[in-house]
Amino acid sequence: MAEIGGNLWEYNMARVVVVDVTDDYRLMQPPLPTDCYPVLAEVWVPAYDLKDRMTGRDLVEGYLYDWHQTPKGENGVWYVGVVQRELVLTREERA
């Protein structure tokens, strides 16, 4: 009987690291390297069509999507930058 080696879920799921980029907007500074941001969460999400569905996901409560960085390799990690919702709402109220 044939056997399948490895974990099949690894091919169907993607690891996403959510980082807080709020200080970039609060301090009005250019983006830092991804490794320099504080990590808010690490989550596993379905990998299918992830690039197109990323903006609609609520990965961390109280934060809004800002940008994402695709993995360098096939099994790499996705990075998603998020901004505190209060900061965005405060700026919109001023405008």
PDB file of N, CA and C in Angstrom:
ATOM      1  N   MET A   1       0.842  -1.184   0.000  1.00  0.00           N
ATOM      2  CA  MET A   1       0.000   0.000   0.000  1.00  0.00           C
ATOM      3  C   MET A   1       0.888   1.249   0.000  1.00  0.00           C
ATOM      4  N   ALA A   2       0.504   2.234  -0.764  1.00  0.00           N
ATOM      5  CA  ALA A   2       1.280   3.468  -0.879  1.00  0.00           C
ATOM      6  C   ALA A   2       1.076   4.344   0.350  1.00  0.00           C
ATOM      7  N   GLU A   3       2.105   5.090   0.694  1.00  0.00           N
ATOM      8  CA  GLU A   3       2.028   6.021   1.819  1.00  0.00           C
ATOM      9  C   GLU A   3       2.421   7.410   1.346  1.00  0.00           C
ATOM     10  N   ILE A   4       1.823   8.381   1.963  1.00  0.00           N
ATOM     11  CA  ILE A   4       2.167   9.767   1.673  1.00  0.00           C
ATOM     12  C   ILE A   4       3.050  10.257   2.806  1.00  0.00           C
ATOM     13  N   GLY A   5       4.245  10.683   2.466  1.00  0.00           N
ATOM     14  CA  GLY A   5       5.160  11.173   3.484  1.00  0.00           C
ATOM     15  C   GLY A   5       4.952  12.649   3.748  1.00  0.00           C
ATOM     16  N   GLY A   6       5.211  13.059   4.956  1.00  0.00           N
ATOM     17  CA  GLY A   6       5.101  14.476   5.305  1.00  0.00           C
ATOM     18  C   GLY A   6       3.712  14.868   5.754  1.00  0.00           C
ATOM     19  N   ASN A   7       3.555  16.130   6.038  1.00  0.00           N
ATOM     20  CA  ASN A   7       2.285  16.678   6.508  1.00  0.00           C
ATOM     21  C   ASN A   7       1.590  17.408   5.367  1.00  0.00           C
ATOM     22  N   LEU A   8       0.453  16.891   4.947  1.00  0.00           N
ATOM     23  CA  LEU A   8      -0.271  17.520   3.838  1.00  0.00           C
ATOM     24  C   LEU A   8      -0.774  18.910   4.179  1.00  0.00           C
ATOM     25  N   TRP A   9      -1.079  19.168   5.457  1.00  0.00           N
ATOM     26  CA  TRP A   9      -1.604  20.475   5.837  1.00  0.00           C
ATOM     27  C   TRP A   9      -0.602  21.585   5.542  1.00  0.00           C
ATOM     28  N   GLU A  10       0.692  21.252   5.508  1.00  0.00           N
ATOM     29  CA  GLU A  10       1.705  22.270   5.226  1.00  0.00           C
ATOM     30  C   GLU A  10       1.561  22.834   3.812  1.00  0.00           C
ATOM     31  N   TYR A  11       0.978  22.075   2.902  1.00  0.00           N
ATOM     32  CA  TYR A  11       0.787  22.534   1.529  1.00  0.00           C
ATOM     33  C   TYR A  11      -0.503  23.336   1.374  1.00  0.00           C
ATOM     34  N   ASN A  12      -1.411  23.192   2.316  1.00  0.00           N
ATOM     35  CA  ASN A  12      -2.704  23.870   2.246  1.00  0.00           C
ATOM     36  C   ASN A  12      -2.795  25.081   3.163  1.00  0.00           C
ATOM     37  N   MET A  13      -1.847  25.240   4.044  1.00  0.00           N
ATOM     38  CA  MET A  13      -1.876  26.328   5.017  1.00  0.00           C
ATOM     39  C   MET A  13      -0.634  27.199   4.844  1.00  0.00           C
ATOM     40  N   ALA A  14      -0.776  28.464   5.176  1.00  0.00           N
ATOM     41  CA  ALA A  14       0.346  29.406   5.099  1.00  0.00           C
ATOM     42  C   ALA A  14       0.546  30.048   6.467  1.00  0.00           C
ATOM     43  N   ARG A  15       1.787  30.187   6.849  1.00  0.00           N
ATOM     44  CA  ARG A  15       2.112  30.849   8.113  1.00  0.00           C
ATOM     45  C   ARG A  15       2.193  32.348   7.858  1.00  0.00           C
ATOM     46  N   VAL A  16       1.445  33.111   8.653  1.00  0.00           N
ATOM     47  CA  VAL A  16       1.400  34.561   8.507  1.00  0.00           C
ATOM     48  C   VAL A  16       1.854  35.193   9.816  1.00  0.00           C
ATOM     49  N   VAL A  17       2.865  36.052   9.734  1.00  0.00           N
ATOM     50  CA  VAL A  17       3.345  36.799  10.893  1.00  0.00           C
ATOM     51  C   VAL A  17       2.798  38.218  10.769  1.00  0.00           C
ATOM     52  N   VAL A  18       2.052  38.640  11.783  1.00  0.00           N
ATOM     53  CA  VAL A  18       1.418  39.961  11.774  1.00  0.00           C
ATOM     54  C   VAL A  18       2.277  40.906  12.603  1.00  0.00           C
ATOM     55  N   VAL A  19       2.724  42.011  11.986  1.00  0.00           N
ATOM     56  CA  VAL A  19       3.585  42.976  12.669  1.00  0.00           C
ATOM     57  C   VAL A  19       2.885  44.332  12.766  1.00  0.00           C
ATOM     58  N   ASP A  20       3.186  45.047  13.845  1.00  0.00           N
ATOM     59  CA  ASP A  20       2.580  46.358  14.112  1.00  0.00           C
ATOM     60  C   ASP A  20       3.440  47.454  13.494  1.00  0.00           C
ATOM     61  N   VAL A  21       2.910  48.142  12.486  1.00  0.00           N
ATOM     62  CA  VAL A  21       3.641  49.220  11.812  1.00  0.00           C
ATOM     63  C   VAL A  21       3.068  50.594  12.160  1.00  0.00           C
ATOM     64  N   THR A  22       2.327  50.676  13.246  1.00  0.00           N
ATOM     65  CA  THR A  22       1.661  51.919  13.640  1.00  0.00           C
ATOM     66  C   THR A  22       2.648  53.063  13.825  1.00  0.00           C
ATOM     67  N   ASP A  23       3.820  52.778  14.400  1.00  0.00           N
ATOM     68  CA  ASP A  23       4.791  53.846  14.660  1.00  0.00           C
ATOM     69  C   ASP A  23       5.273  54.524  13.385  1.00  0.00           C
ATOM     70  N   ASP A  24       5.259  53.826  12.262  1.00  0.00           N
ATOM     71  CA  ASP A  24       5.637  54.461  10.992  1.00  0.00           C
ATOM     72  C   ASP A  24       4.726  55.650  10.700  1.00  0.00           C
ATOM     73  N   TYR A  25       3.456  55.515  11.019  1.00  0.00           N
ATOM     74  CA  TYR A  25       2.483  56.585  10.764  1.00  0.00           C
ATOM     75  C   TYR A  25       2.467  57.602  11.898  1.00  0.00           C
ATOM     76  N   ARG A  26       2.584  57.129  13.119  1.00  0.00           N
ATOM     77  CA  ARG A  26       2.566  58.028  14.269  1.00  0.00           C
ATOM     78  C   ARG A  26       3.769  58.969  14.241  1.00  0.00           C
ATOM     79  N   LEU A  27       4.946  58.445  13.886  1.00  0.00           N
ATOM     80  CA  LEU A  27       6.177  59.233  13.877  1.00  0.00           C
ATOM     81  C   LEU A  27       6.527  59.766  12.489  1.00  0.00           C
ATOM     82  N   MET A  28       5.707  59.415  11.483  1.00  0.00           N
ATOM     83  CA  MET A  28       5.923  59.854  10.099  1.00  0.00           C
ATOM     84  C   MET A  28       7.346  59.544   9.632  1.00  0.00           C
ATOM     85  N   GLN A  29       7.718  58.269   9.714  1.00  0.00           N
ATOM     86  CA  GLN A  29       9.045  57.841   9.292  1.00  0.00           C
ATOM     87  C   GLN A  29       8.928  56.782   8.194  1.00  0.00           C
ATOM     88  N   PRO A  30       9.992  56.587   7.425  1.00  0.00           N
ATOM     89  CA  PRO A  30       9.938  55.577   6.358  1.00  0.00           C
ATOM     90  C   PRO A  30       9.880  54.164   6.950  1.00  0.00           C
ATOM     91  N   PRO A  31       9.453  53.193   6.153  1.00  0.00           N
ATOM     92  CA  PRO A  31       9.354  51.811   6.648  1.00  0.00           C
ATOM     93  C   PRO A  31      10.703  51.248   7.078  1.00  0.00           C
ATOM     94  N   LEU A  32      10.647  50.380   8.077  1.00  0.00           N
ATOM     95  CA  LEU A  32      11.824  49.676   8.577  1.00  0.00           C
ATOM     96  C   LEU A  32      11.881  48.292   7.942  1.00  0.00           C
ATOM     97  N   PRO A  33      13.018  47.590   8.089  1.00  0.00           N
ATOM     98  CA  PRO A  33      13.030  46.181   7.665  1.00  0.00           C
ATOM     99  C   PRO A  33      11.996  45.389   8.471  1.00  0.00           C
ATOM    100  N   THR A  34      11.411  44.394   7.876  1.00  0.00           N
ATOM    101  CA  THR A  34      10.329  43.633   8.495  1.00  0.00           C
ATOM    102  C   THR A  34      10.713  43.078   9.859  1.00  0.00           C
ATOM    103  N   ASP A  35      11.948  42.664  10.035  1.00  0.00           N
ATOM    104  CA  ASP A  35      12.392  42.072  11.300  1.00  0.00           C
ATOM    105  C   ASP A  35      12.405  43.067  12.454  1.00  0.00           C
ATOM    106  N   CYS A  36      12.317  44.353  12.182  1.00  0.00           N
ATOM    107  CA  CYS A  36      12.405  45.376  13.230  1.00  0.00           C
ATOM    108  C   CYS A  36      11.061  45.707  13.882  1.00  0.00           C
ATOM    109  N   TYR A  37       9.970  45.219  13.354  1.00  0.00           N
ATOM    110  CA  TYR A  37       8.649  45.533  13.906  1.00  0.00           C
ATOM    111  C   TYR A  37       8.254  44.535  14.991  1.00  0.00           C
ATOM    112  N   PRO A  38       7.477  44.995  15.983  1.00  0.00           N
ATOM    113  CA  PRO A  38       6.986  44.049  16.995  1.00  0.00           C
ATOM    114  C   PRO A  38       5.960  43.087  16.390  1.00  0.00           C
ATOM    115  N   VAL A  39       6.077  41.826  16.750  1.00  0.00           N
ATOM    116  CA  VAL A  39       5.161  40.793  16.254  1.00  0.00           C
ATOM    117  C   VAL A  39       3.927  40.761  17.142  1.00  0.00           C
ATOM    118  N   LEU A  40       2.756  40.901  16.539  1.00  0.00           N
ATOM    119  CA  LEU A  40       1.492  40.842  17.272  1.00  0.00           C
ATOM    120  C   LEU A  40       0.933  39.431  17.324  1.00  0.00           C
ATOM    121  N   ALA A  41       1.105  38.688  16.246  1.00  0.00           N
ATOM    122  CA  ALA A  41       0.543  37.334  16.192  1.00  0.00           C
ATOM    123  C   ALA A  41       1.200  36.543  15.076  1.00  0.00           C
ATOM    124  N   GLU A  42       1.161  35.230  15.235  1.00  0.00           N
ATOM    125  CA  GLU A  42       1.525  34.300  14.173  1.00  0.00           C
ATOM    126  C   GLU A  42       0.328  33.394  13.990  1.00  0.00           C
ATOM    127  N   VAL A  43      -0.208  33.356  12.780  1.00  0.00           N
ATOM    128  CA  VAL A  43      -1.408  32.569  12.511  1.00  0.00           C
ATOM    129  C   VAL A  43      -1.194  31.701  11.276  1.00  0.00           C
ATOM    130  N   TRP A  44      -1.954  30.624  11.209  1.00  0.00           N
ATOM    131  CA  TRP A  44      -1.981  29.762  10.033  1.00  0.00           C
ATOM    132  C   TRP A  44      -3.319  29.971   9.352  1.00  0.00           C
ATOM    133  N   VAL A  45      -3.296  30.273   8.071  1.00  0.00           N
ATOM    134  CA  VAL A  45      -4.526  30.515   7.306  1.00  0.00           C
ATOM    135  C   VAL A  45      -4.479  29.681   6.026  1.00  0.00           C
ATOM    136  N   PRO A  46      -5.634  29.412   5.413  1.00  0.00           N
ATOM    137  CA  PRO A  46      -5.630  28.671   4.145  1.00  0.00           C
ATOM    138  C   PRO A  46      -4.793  29.399   3.087  1.00  0.00           C
ATOM    139  N   ALA A  47      -3.931  28.659   2.417  1.00  0.00           N
ATOM    140  CA  ALA A  47      -2.999  29.261   1.458  1.00  0.00           C
ATOM    141  C   ALA A  47      -3.638  29.593   0.117  1.00  0.00           C
ATOM    142  N   TYR A  48      -4.761  28.988  -0.180  1.00  0.00           N
ATOM    143  CA  TYR A  48      -5.378  29.185  -1.487  1.00  0.00           C
ATOM    144  C   TYR A  48      -5.754  30.646  -1.710  1.00  0.00           C
ATOM    145  N   ASP A  49      -5.246  31.241  -2.764  1.00  0.00           N
ATOM    146  CA  ASP A  49      -5.598  32.602  -3.176  1.00  0.00           C
ATOM    147  C   ASP A  49      -5.373  33.625  -2.058  1.00  0.00           C
ATOM    148  N   LEU A  50      -4.367  33.379  -1.240  1.00  0.00           N
ATOM    149  CA  LEU A  50      -4.124  34.221  -0.063  1.00  0.00           C
ATOM    150  C   LEU A  50      -3.805  35.666  -0.437  1.00  0.00           C
ATOM    151  N   LYS A  51      -3.043  35.860  -1.488  1.00  0.00           N
ATOM    152  CA  LYS A  51      -2.650  37.216  -1.884  1.00  0.00           C
ATOM    153  C   LYS A  51      -3.865  38.098  -2.164  1.00  0.00           C
ATOM    154  N   ASP A  52      -4.877  37.547  -2.805  1.00  0.00           N
ATOM    155  CA  ASP A  52      -6.067  38.327  -3.143  1.00  0.00           C
ATOM    156  C   ASP A  52      -7.016  38.505  -1.964  1.00  0.00           C
ATOM    157  N   ARG A  53      -6.971  37.587  -0.997  1.00  0.00           N
ATOM    158  CA  ARG A  53      -7.891  37.653   0.137  1.00  0.00           C
ATOM    159  C   ARG A  53      -7.288  38.339   1.363  1.00  0.00           C
ATOM    160  N   MET A  54      -6.026  38.718   1.297  1.00  0.00           N
ATOM    161  CA  MET A  54      -5.329  39.252   2.469  1.00  0.00           C
ATOM    162  C   MET A  54      -5.955  40.539   2.999  1.00  0.00           C
ATOM    163  N   THR A  55      -6.371  41.431   2.139  1.00  0.00           N
ATOM    164  CA  THR A  55      -6.883  42.729   2.588  1.00  0.00           C
ATOM    165  C   THR A  55      -8.197  42.620   3.339  1.00  0.00           C
ATOM    166  N   GLY A  56      -8.968  41.595   3.093  1.00  0.00           N
ATOM    167  CA  GLY A  56     -10.258  41.452   3.759  1.00  0.00           C
ATOM    168  C   GLY A  56     -10.194  40.714   5.081  1.00  0.00           C
ATOM    169  N   ARG A  57      -9.040  40.229   5.469  1.00  0.00           N
ATOM    170  CA  ARG A  57      -8.909  39.444   6.697  1.00  0.00           C
ATOM    171  C   ARG A  57      -8.725  40.349   7.910  1.00  0.00           C
ATOM    172  N   ASP A  58      -9.331  39.952   9.018  1.00  0.00           N
ATOM    173  CA  ASP A  58      -9.145  40.634  10.298  1.00  0.00           C
ATOM    174  C   ASP A  58      -8.247  39.741  11.143  1.00  0.00           C
ATOM    175  N   LEU A  59      -6.927  39.885  10.970  1.00  0.00           N
ATOM    176  CA  LEU A  59      -5.983  38.978  11.615  1.00  0.00           C
ATOM    177  C   LEU A  59      -5.797  39.274  13.100  1.00  0.00           C
ATOM    178  N   VAL A  60      -5.833  40.552  13.481  1.00  0.00           N
ATOM    179  CA  VAL A  60      -5.691  40.948  14.883  1.00  0.00           C
ATOM    180  C   VAL A  60      -6.762  41.990  15.178  1.00  0.00           C
ATOM    181  N   GLU A  61      -7.522  41.767  16.229  1.00  0.00           N
ATOM    182  CA  GLU A  61      -8.604  42.688  16.578  1.00  0.00           C
ATOM    183  C   GLU A  61      -8.039  44.057  16.950  1.00  0.00           C
ATOM    184  N   GLY A  62      -8.662  45.111  16.444  1.00  0.00           N
ATOM    185  CA  GLY A  62      -8.233  46.470  16.737  1.00  0.00           C
ATOM    186  C   GLY A  62      -7.191  47.017  15.775  1.00  0.00           C
ATOM    187  N   TYR A  63      -6.832  46.245  14.759  1.00  0.00           N
ATOM    188  CA  TYR A  63      -5.824  46.659  13.786  1.00  0.00           C
ATOM    189  C   TYR A  63      -6.386  46.534  12.376  1.00  0.00           C
ATOM    190  N   LEU A  64      -5.920  47.406  11.493  1.00  0.00           N
ATOM    191  CA  LEU A  64      -6.349  47.398  10.096  1.00  0.00           C
ATOM    192  C   LEU A  64      -5.173  47.019   9.194  1.00  0.00           C
ATOM    193  N   TYR A  65      -5.472  46.342   8.104  1.00  0.00           N
ATOM    194  CA  TYR A  65      -4.464  45.913   7.133  1.00  0.00           C
ATOM    195  C   TYR A  65      -3.768  47.126   6.515  1.00  0.00           C
ATOM    196  N   ASP A  66      -2.438  47.028   6.349  1.00  0.00           N
ATOM    197  CA  ASP A  66      -1.678  48.081   5.680  1.00  0.00           C
ATOM    198  C   ASP A  66      -0.930  47.528   4.464  1.00  0.00           C
ATOM    199  N   TRP A  67      -0.148  46.483   4.644  1.00  0.00           N
ATOM    200  CA  TRP A  67       0.613  45.903   3.541  1.00  0.00           C
ATOM    201  C   TRP A  67       0.921  44.443   3.851  1.00  0.00           C
ATOM    202  N   HIS A  68       1.376  43.716   2.815  1.00  0.00           N
ATOM    203  CA  HIS A  68       1.863  42.358   3.036  1.00  0.00           C
ATOM    204  C   HIS A  68       3.097  42.106   2.186  1.00  0.00           C
ATOM    205  N   GLN A  69       3.915  41.188   2.671  1.00  0.00           N
ATOM    206  CA  GLN A  69       5.135  40.803   1.973  1.00  0.00           C
ATOM    207  C   GLN A  69       5.048  39.299   1.705  1.00  0.00           C
ATOM    208  N   THR A  70       5.123  38.928   0.444  1.00  0.00           N
ATOM    209  CA  THR A  70       5.018  37.517   0.083  1.00  0.00           C
ATOM    210  C   THR A  70       6.301  36.780   0.460  1.00  0.00           C
ATOM    211  N   PRO A  71       6.198  35.477   0.675  1.00  0.00           N
ATOM    212  CA  PRO A  71       7.389  34.706   1.055  1.00  0.00           C
ATOM    213  C   PRO A  71       8.400  34.628  -0.076  1.00  0.00           C
ATOM    214  N   LYS A  72       9.658  34.494   0.310  1.00  0.00           N
ATOM    215  CA  LYS A  72      10.726  34.397  -0.687  1.00  0.00           C
ATOM    216  C   LYS A  72      10.754  33.014  -1.336  1.00  0.00           C
ATOM    217  N   GLY A  73      10.463  31.986  -0.557  1.00  0.00           N
ATOM    218  CA  GLY A  73      10.443  30.623  -1.083  1.00  0.00           C
ATOM    219  C   GLY A  73       9.037  30.057  -1.075  1.00  0.00           C
ATOM    220  N   GLU A  74       8.915  28.831  -1.539  1.00  0.00           N
ATOM    221  CA  GLU A  74       7.603  28.201  -1.620  1.00  0.00           C
ATOM    222  C   GLU A  74       6.998  27.960  -0.239  1.00  0.00           C
ATOM    223  N   ASN A  75       7.819  27.631   0.740  1.00  0.00           N
ATOM    224  CA  ASN A  75       7.330  27.352   2.091  1.00  0.00           C
ATOM    225  C   ASN A  75       7.643  28.486   3.056  1.00  0.00           C
ATOM    226  N   GLY A  76       7.847  29.674   2.553  1.00  0.00           N
ATOM    227  CA  GLY A  76       8.219  30.803   3.387  1.00  0.00           C
ATOM    228  C   GLY A  76       7.068  31.371   4.194  1.00  0.00           C
ATOM    229  N   VAL A  77       7.385  32.413   4.917  1.00  0.00           N
ATOM    230  CA  VAL A  77       6.432  33.070   5.812  1.00  0.00           C
ATOM    231  C   VAL A  77       5.910  34.342   5.158  1.00  0.00           C
ATOM    232  N   TRP A  78       4.605  34.566   5.265  1.00  0.00           N
ATOM    233  CA  TRP A  78       4.001  35.821   4.837  1.00  0.00           C
ATOM    234  C   TRP A  78       4.121  36.806   5.993  1.00  0.00           C
ATOM    235  N   TYR A  79       4.437  38.062   5.694  1.00  0.00           N
ATOM    236  CA  TYR A  79       4.430  39.124   6.700  1.00  0.00           C
ATOM    237  C   TYR A  79       3.319  40.097   6.349  1.00  0.00           C
ATOM    238  N   VAL A  80       2.542  40.479   7.350  1.00  0.00           N
ATOM    239  CA  VAL A  80       1.452  41.426   7.155  1.00  0.00           C
ATOM    240  C   VAL A  80       1.639  42.575   8.131  1.00  0.00           C
ATOM    241  N   GLY A  81       1.704  43.797   7.608  1.00  0.00           N
ATOM    242  CA  GLY A  81       1.791  44.985   8.447  1.00  0.00           C
ATOM    243  C   GLY A  81       0.403  45.514   8.744  1.00  0.00           C
ATOM    244  N   VAL A  82       0.149  45.818  10.008  1.00  0.00           N
ATOM    245  CA  VAL A  82      -1.154  46.346  10.412  1.00  0.00           C
ATOM    246  C   VAL A  82      -0.965  47.622  11.225  1.00  0.00           C
ATOM    247  N   VAL A  83      -2.003  48.470  11.220  1.00  0.00           N
ATOM    248  CA  VAL A  83      -1.987  49.759  11.917  1.00  0.00           C
ATOM    249  C   VAL A  83      -3.138  49.781  12.915  1.00  0.00           C
ATOM    250  N   GLN A  84      -2.894  50.380  14.088  1.00  0.00           N
ATOM    251  CA  GLN A  84      -3.954  50.476  15.096  1.00  0.00           C
ATOM    252  C   GLN A  84      -5.147  51.235  14.535  1.00  0.00           C
ATOM    253  N   ARG A  85      -6.318  50.673  14.741  1.00  0.00           N
ATOM    254  CA  ARG A  85      -7.558  51.253  14.212  1.00  0.00           C
ATOM    255  C   ARG A  85      -7.789  52.664  14.761  1.00  0.00           C
ATOM    256  N   GLU A  86      -7.479  52.901  16.042  1.00  0.00           N
ATOM    257  CA  GLU A  86      -7.712  54.215  16.652  1.00  0.00           C
ATOM    258  C   GLU A  86      -6.916  55.311  15.955  1.00  0.00           C
ATOM    259  N   LEU A  87      -5.691  55.005  15.546  1.00  0.00           N
ATOM    260  CA  LEU A  87      -4.863  56.003  14.865  1.00  0.00           C
ATOM    261  C   LEU A  87      -5.480  56.383  13.521  1.00  0.00           C
ATOM    262  N   VAL A  88      -5.964  55.411  12.789  1.00  0.00           N
ATOM    263  CA  VAL A  88      -6.572  55.675  11.482  1.00  0.00           C
ATOM    264  C   VAL A  88      -7.848  56.479  11.651  1.00  0.00           C
ATOM    265  N   LEU A  89      -8.690  56.098  12.603  1.00  0.00           N
ATOM    266  CA  LEU A  89      -9.947  56.810  12.819  1.00  0.00           C
ATOM    267  C   LEU A  89      -9.705  58.234  13.291  1.00  0.00           C
ATOM    268  N   THR A  90      -8.698  58.437  14.136  1.00  0.00           N
ATOM    269  CA  THR A  90      -8.373  59.780  14.619  1.00  0.00           C
ATOM    270  C   THR A  90      -7.956  60.678  13.462  1.00  0.00           C
ATOM    271  N   ARG A  91      -7.147  60.167  12.555  1.00  0.00           N
ATOM    272  CA  ARG A  91      -6.697  60.963  11.401  1.00  0.00           C
ATOM    273  C   ARG A  91      -7.856  61.280  10.461  1.00  0.00           C
ATOM    274  N   GLU A  92      -8.774  60.351  10.287  1.00  0.00           N
ATOM    275  CA  GLU A  92      -9.929  60.596   9.418  1.00  0.00           C
ATOM    276  C   GLU A  92     -10.854  61.645  10.025  1.00  0.00           C
ATOM    277  N   GLU A  93     -10.976  61.684  11.342  1.00  0.00           N
ATOM    278  CA  GLU A  93     -11.826  62.669  12.006  1.00  0.00           C
ATOM    279  C   GLU A  93     -11.265  64.075  11.847  1.00  0.00           C
ATOM    280  N   ARG A  94      -9.932  64.188  11.805  1.00  0.00           N
ATOM    281  CA  ARG A  94      -9.298  65.504  11.657  1.00  0.00           C
ATOM    282  C   ARG A  94      -9.495  66.066  10.255  1.00  0.00           C
ATOM    283  N   ALA A  95      -9.581  65.190   9.279  1.00  0.00           N
ATOM    284  CA  ALA A  95      -9.671  65.636   7.877  1.00  0.00           C
ATOM    285  C   ALA A  95     -11.026  66.216   7.549  1.00  0.00           C
TER     286      ALA A  95
END
